Every structure is written in structure tokens, then in C-alpha cells.
Amino acid sequence: MVAYQTLWLKCHYPAEFMAAVLSNQPMGYYPSRVLAAEAGRFGVPMLPLDINRSSGRFTVEGGAIRVSLRQLKGMSGEAEFGVVYDDGNRLSEKGCTAKITKVLRRYEDGRMDILTVGHRRFTIQTQYDEEPYLEADVTYFEDQKETMVDQKEPLDDSFTDLVSEGIEKLNELALLAERQLDTEALTRLDLSVLSFIIAGNDEFTMPEKQRFLEMTSARERLQKGIVSLDNLIERTQVSEEIKKLIGGNGHSHDFLSKN
């Protein structure tokens, strides 16, 4: 009877069946990669680990199986792990490694709340599908060597202006959020680091952040980051005005008269 039920489930609900089997490994002779290949033979694709979608168990998403966070290796101590952006349609070719700086909380199902810091950027060369999670050969890349960027020489006027404007915009955004910013410390940073601080702003969308990550010019990243900060500040100001309007006397002309 049990054999019949198992066969019926595998035939009619292959994704759910294989997700359940994978979630309960180890439970037999076959390793996870063999079971993942078996799922593929039944037309059930495997979706890679996703920091936002994966959970402590293998789950089903639209007929495919999302890999469990329990499959993730190397996320402790000084080990680096790769982070790659997937917009739901395409996996980006470029990503970056990261290290865990602090584990804030651990859950029974394997999930964790963590703080990380980015390290090296990379380009994916070859992907492997032997395991139910993404593995790849990568090559690392850095910013181009640009005149004055490494700060071994005094900054030219164009870079000095960019740095000043970038710090000014960061400070303006911080004030809107009622936060204090150590502008003096920012002036002592390497230009590439400063450009990534701007690019890493929480309010930027993931596609925006991905474009910044792929840039290999600190100057270009600073320039486009400042433009994006300008747009972000404008959106924030409008949002604050709307909040005041909603919480005010309800007269729309108070808001419209300022635009």
C-alpha cells in the first residue's frame, strides 16, 4: 500500500514529492545530487539558493524546486561565499563574495539572520549542476586603474569636486532620515570605497545596485551614484511632503503650491 501511494505521489505531484524527499535527506543510498537529477528526468527543474526565497526545507515554486538553505556550505568563520543577483528571469554573470561578520539569530529550520560584508567581485565562467545548489568557476575583477584614483597623488579638481558632491548628497540624505553622518571620516576613504558606499544605499533597487557592482570605473560609479542619490533625495522629499499633507489639515493646495 505504501509503495502504491509513493508511486502515485511521484507520478501526480513530482515536484512536491521530490522536494519532500530532498528535505528529509539523508534517508537512503542516494545523495541529493542524484535525487535532483531524478527530479529533472520528471521535468522538475531545480532553482538555486536564493537569500530571499529559500527556507530551511526544499520548497516548490511554480512547479520547480527551490534549494534549501541547509545545502549552503562555508558560511562560517572567515570563509567567503558567492552572492549573485537573479531577477527571476536571468542569473547575472557578475557577483561578489561575502563573509559573515555576525549571526544575529538562528532558526530551527536552518535560516539565519546575518550581517555580511562584501569582498571580491567576480565573473562566472562555468557553472556546474552536479549539486542541487549553484557552483561555478569564477574570475575576479577590480576597478580599472585611473589617474589619481588610488590617491597616491593629490586628487585633481574633477575628482575633488565629485568627492565633495558625493559626501554632500550622503549627508543630505542622512539628515532627511534624521541620522548623523561622519563626513570627515568619509573624506579619508579610498575613492573606490566611497563610490561603493554611495552605491550600497538601502533605498536603491537591486537592478541599480547590480549596475553599480558591474562598473569598473570609480569615477563613473561616483558620477552615476551622485545622480541616483539626487533622484533618491527628491523622491524622499516628495514622500515627506505627502506624509505631512496626509497628517495635516487635508488641503491639497498646501502641497501643490510647493511644486
Protein backbone atom coordinates (compact mmCIF):
# COMPACT_ATOMS: atom_id res chain seq x y z
CA MET A 1 0.00 0.00 0.00
CA VAL A 2 2.80 2.39 0.92
CA ALA A 3 4.63 1.60 -2.34
CA TYR A 4 1.45 2.35 -4.34
CA GLN A 5 0.93 5.67 -2.52
CA THR A 6 4.57 6.63 -3.10
CA LEU A 7 4.33 5.87 -6.83
CA TRP A 8 1.03 7.78 -7.12
CA LEU A 9 2.52 10.86 -5.43
CA LYS A 10 5.65 10.75 -7.58
CA CYS A 11 3.54 10.45 -10.73
CA HIS A 12 0.94 13.13 -9.97
CA TYR A 13 2.90 15.50 -7.71
CA PRO A 14 6.55 15.06 -8.76
CA ALA A 15 7.76 18.48 -7.54
CA GLU A 16 6.15 18.17 -4.11
CA PHE A 17 7.26 14.55 -3.77
CA MET A 18 10.92 15.21 -4.66
CA ALA A 19 11.01 18.35 -2.51
CA ALA A 20 9.85 16.29 0.47
CA VAL A 21 12.40 13.55 -0.20
CA LEU A 22 15.25 16.05 -0.56
CA SER A 23 14.19 17.84 2.63
CA ASN A 24 14.46 14.61 4.60
CA GLN A 25 17.95 13.61 3.50
CA PRO A 26 19.90 11.60 4.40
CA MET A 27 17.39 8.75 4.24
CA GLY A 28 18.83 6.18 1.86
CA TYR A 29 21.55 5.27 -0.60
CA TYR A 30 21.11 8.19 -2.98
CA PRO A 31 22.82 11.58 -2.38
CA SER A 32 20.99 14.83 -3.04
CA ARG A 33 22.58 15.38 -6.46
CA VAL A 34 21.17 12.03 -7.69
CA LEU A 35 17.70 12.92 -6.42
CA ALA A 36 17.95 16.34 -8.09
CA ALA A 37 18.84 14.63 -11.38
CA GLU A 38 15.87 12.30 -10.90
CA ALA A 39 13.61 15.33 -10.47
CA GLY A 40 14.98 16.69 -13.74
CA ARG A 41 14.02 13.47 -15.55
CA PHE A 42 10.44 14.10 -14.44
CA GLY A 43 10.56 17.63 -15.86
CA VAL A 44 11.01 19.32 -12.48
CA PRO A 45 13.79 21.96 -12.62
CA MET A 46 15.91 22.94 -9.61
CA LEU A 47 16.02 26.60 -8.62
CA PRO A 48 19.26 27.82 -6.98
CA LEU A 49 19.64 29.10 -3.45
CA ASP A 50 18.03 32.50 -3.02
CA ILE A 51 18.67 34.58 0.08
CA ASN A 52 15.11 35.92 -0.09
CA ARG A 53 13.17 32.82 -1.23
CA SER A 54 14.98 29.78 0.15
CA SER A 55 13.94 28.38 3.52
CA GLY A 56 15.11 25.58 5.77
CA ARG A 57 13.46 22.97 3.51
CA PHE A 58 13.27 22.32 -0.23
CA THR A 59 10.13 24.11 -1.42
CA VAL A 60 8.04 24.16 -4.60
CA GLU A 61 7.79 27.33 -6.69
CA GLY A 62 5.70 27.22 -9.84
CA GLY A 63 6.40 23.55 -10.48
CA ALA A 64 10.13 23.86 -9.72
CA ILE A 65 12.07 23.02 -6.55
CA ARG A 66 13.87 25.77 -4.65
CA VAL A 67 17.07 24.58 -2.95
CA SER A 68 17.09 24.66 0.86
CA LEU A 69 19.33 26.92 2.89
CA ARG A 70 20.59 23.79 4.64
CA GLN A 71 22.58 23.00 1.48
CA LEU A 72 24.67 26.13 1.89
CA LYS A 73 28.25 25.42 2.89
CA GLY A 74 31.12 27.58 4.06
CA MET A 75 29.02 30.23 5.80
CA SER A 76 31.04 30.42 8.97
CA GLY A 77 34.31 31.85 10.22
CA GLU A 78 36.42 33.52 7.52
CA ALA A 79 35.01 31.54 4.59
CA GLU A 80 33.82 33.54 1.59
CA PHE A 81 30.66 32.61 -0.30
CA GLY A 82 29.33 33.93 -3.58
CA VAL A 83 26.30 36.17 -3.98
CA VAL A 84 24.71 36.50 -7.43
CA TYR A 85 21.63 38.53 -8.37
CA ASP A 86 18.73 36.70 -10.02
CA ASP A 87 15.84 38.89 -11.19
CA GLY A 88 13.56 35.90 -11.68
CA ASN A 89 14.29 35.62 -15.38
CA ARG A 90 18.07 35.60 -15.61
CA LEU A 91 21.03 34.90 -13.34
CA SER A 92 23.59 37.70 -13.52
CA GLU A 93 27.05 36.79 -14.77
CA LYS A 94 28.74 39.05 -12.23
CA GLY A 95 28.50 38.86 -8.45
CA CYS A 96 30.62 39.28 -5.36
CA THR A 97 31.91 37.22 -2.48
CA ALA A 98 30.89 37.99 1.08
CA LYS A 99 31.81 36.99 4.61
CA ILE A 100 29.57 36.75 7.65
CA THR A 101 30.53 39.29 10.28
CA LYS A 102 27.82 38.39 12.76
CA VAL A 103 25.00 35.85 13.14
CA LEU A 104 22.11 37.76 14.69
CA ARG A 105 19.73 34.83 15.05
CA ARG A 106 19.45 31.14 14.15
CA TYR A 107 16.15 29.39 13.40
CA GLU A 108 15.32 25.71 13.86
CA ASP A 109 14.68 25.22 10.14
CA GLY A 110 18.20 26.36 9.22
CA ARG A 111 17.52 30.01 8.42
CA MET A 112 19.73 32.73 9.88
CA ASP A 113 19.62 36.49 10.30
CA ILE A 114 23.14 37.60 9.43
CA LEU A 115 25.32 40.65 8.88
CA THR A 116 27.77 40.35 5.98
CA VAL A 117 30.45 42.40 4.30
CA GLY A 118 31.28 42.21 0.59
CA HIS A 119 34.80 41.35 -0.56
CA ARG A 120 35.73 40.42 -4.13
CA ARG A 121 33.74 40.88 -7.33
CA PHE A 122 33.73 38.08 -9.87
CA THR A 123 32.52 36.98 -13.30
CA ILE A 124 31.03 33.50 -13.69
CA GLN A 125 32.94 31.47 -16.28
CA THR A 126 31.49 27.95 -15.98
CA GLN A 127 28.51 26.68 -14.00
CA TYR A 128 28.18 23.16 -12.61
CA ASP A 129 24.96 21.32 -11.83
CA GLU A 130 26.26 18.23 -10.04
CA GLU A 131 24.90 19.56 -6.74
CA PRO A 132 21.39 20.91 -6.04
CA TYR A 133 22.94 24.33 -5.46
CA LEU A 134 24.90 26.63 -7.76
CA GLU A 135 28.63 26.02 -8.17
CA ALA A 136 30.86 27.78 -10.68
CA ASP A 137 34.37 28.65 -11.76
CA VAL A 138 34.87 32.41 -11.49
CA THR A 139 37.45 35.06 -12.29
CA TYR A 140 37.84 38.09 -10.06
CA PHE A 141 37.93 41.65 -11.29
CA GLU A 142 38.66 45.09 -9.86
CA ASP A 143 38.28 48.70 -10.91
CA GLN A 144 40.39 49.98 -13.79
CA LYS A 145 43.50 51.91 -12.89
CA GLU A 146 42.55 55.55 -13.27
CA THR A 147 44.68 58.61 -12.79
CA MET A 148 44.51 59.83 -9.20
CA VAL A 149 42.06 57.11 -8.13
CA ASP A 150 44.48 55.30 -5.83
CA GLN A 151 45.21 58.59 -4.04
CA LYS A 152 48.99 58.13 -4.31
CA GLU A 153 48.97 61.56 -5.89
CA PRO A 154 46.89 64.64 -4.96
CA LEU A 155 43.38 64.48 -6.39
CA ASP A 156 42.69 66.57 -9.45
CA ASP A 157 39.88 69.13 -9.33
CA SER A 158 37.33 66.91 -11.08
CA PHE A 159 37.74 64.11 -8.52
CA THR A 160 37.80 66.56 -5.62
CA ASP A 161 34.50 68.02 -6.79
CA LEU A 162 32.99 64.55 -7.19
CA VAL A 163 34.05 63.50 -3.70
CA SER A 164 32.69 66.70 -2.15
CA GLU A 165 29.39 66.41 -4.00
CA GLY A 166 29.02 62.72 -3.13
CA ILE A 167 29.60 63.34 0.59
CA GLU A 168 27.26 66.33 0.49
CA LYS A 169 24.48 64.21 -1.02
CA LEU A 170 25.03 61.41 1.51
CA ASN A 171 24.83 63.94 4.31
CA GLU A 172 21.67 65.47 2.86
CA LEU A 173 20.03 62.04 2.71
CA ALA A 174 21.15 61.27 6.26
CA LEU A 175 19.59 64.50 7.52
CA LEU A 176 16.29 63.60 5.85
CA ALA A 177 16.42 60.30 7.76
CA GLU A 178 17.35 62.19 10.94
CA ARG A 179 20.72 60.46 11.18
CA GLN A 180 24.23 61.68 11.88
CA LEU A 181 26.95 61.19 9.26
CA ASP A 182 30.70 61.34 9.94
CA THR A 183 31.62 63.39 6.88
CA GLU A 184 35.23 63.80 7.99
CA ALA A 185 35.74 60.03 8.03
CA LEU A 186 34.27 59.79 4.52
CA THR A 187 36.84 62.26 3.15
CA ARG A 188 39.63 59.90 4.24
CA LEU A 189 38.25 56.90 2.35
CA ASP A 190 39.63 55.48 -0.86
CA LEU A 191 37.56 56.75 -3.79
CA SER A 192 36.51 53.26 -4.83
CA VAL A 193 35.28 52.52 -1.29
CA LEU A 194 33.37 55.82 -1.18
CA SER A 195 31.73 55.04 -4.53
CA PHE A 196 30.55 51.67 -3.18
CA ILE A 197 29.19 53.26 -0.01
CA ILE A 198 27.05 55.51 -2.19
CA ALA A 199 26.06 52.60 -4.46
CA GLY A 200 25.13 50.42 -1.48
CA ASN A 201 22.44 52.76 -0.19
CA ASP A 202 19.46 50.75 1.08
CA GLU A 203 16.99 52.79 -0.93
CA PHE A 204 18.44 51.82 -4.32
CA THR A 205 16.74 48.97 -6.16
CA MET A 206 18.51 45.65 -6.76
CA PRO A 207 18.91 46.31 -10.52
CA GLU A 208 20.51 49.69 -9.68
CA LYS A 209 22.91 48.06 -7.23
CA GLN A 210 23.78 45.36 -9.77
CA ARG A 211 24.70 48.02 -12.35
CA PHE A 212 26.97 49.72 -9.82
CA LEU A 213 28.63 46.41 -8.96
CA GLU A 214 29.43 45.69 -12.61
CA MET A 215 31.09 49.09 -13.22
CA THR A 216 34.89 49.02 -13.30
CA SER A 217 35.43 52.77 -13.05
CA ALA A 218 35.35 54.51 -9.65
CA ARG A 219 34.80 57.82 -11.42
CA GLU A 220 31.77 56.52 -13.34
CA ARG A 221 30.37 54.88 -10.19
CA LEU A 222 30.72 58.14 -8.28
CA GLN A 223 29.14 60.18 -11.07
CA LYS A 224 26.16 57.89 -11.57
CA GLY A 225 25.84 57.28 -7.84
CA ILE A 226 25.53 61.03 -7.24
CA VAL A 227 22.83 61.30 -9.91
CA SER A 228 20.95 58.40 -8.31
CA LEU A 229 21.33 59.98 -4.87
CA ASP A 230 19.92 63.22 -6.24
CA ASN A 231 16.84 61.38 -7.55
CA LEU A 232 16.53 59.49 -4.27
CA ILE A 233 16.67 62.70 -2.24
CA GLU A 234 13.99 64.24 -4.43
CA ARG A 235 11.74 61.17 -4.01
CA THR A 236 12.31 61.23 -0.25
CA GLN A 237 11.43 64.91 -0.03
CA VAL A 238 8.22 64.36 -2.00
CA SER A 239 7.36 61.42 0.24
CA GLU A 240 7.88 63.57 3.34
CA GLU A 241 5.66 66.28 1.89
CA ILE A 242 2.91 63.74 1.23
CA LYS A 243 3.19 62.45 4.79
CA LYS A 244 2.85 65.99 6.11
CA LEU A 245 -0.13 66.58 3.83
CA ILE A 246 -1.90 63.42 4.96
CA GLY A 247 -1.21 64.22 8.58
CA GLY A 248 -2.04 67.90 8.17
CA ASN A 249 -5.26 69.78 7.50
CA GLY A 250 -6.15 67.81 4.38
CA HIS A 251 -5.94 70.80 2.00
CA SER A 252 -4.15 69.69 -1.15
CA HIS A 253 -3.22 73.25 -2.15
CA ASP A 254 -0.70 73.32 0.73
CA PHE A 255 1.27 70.60 -1.06
CA LEU A 256 0.62 71.63 -4.66
CA SER A 257 1.71 75.21 -4.06
CA LYS A 258 5.23 73.99 -3.28
CA ASN A 259 5.66 72.27 -6.65
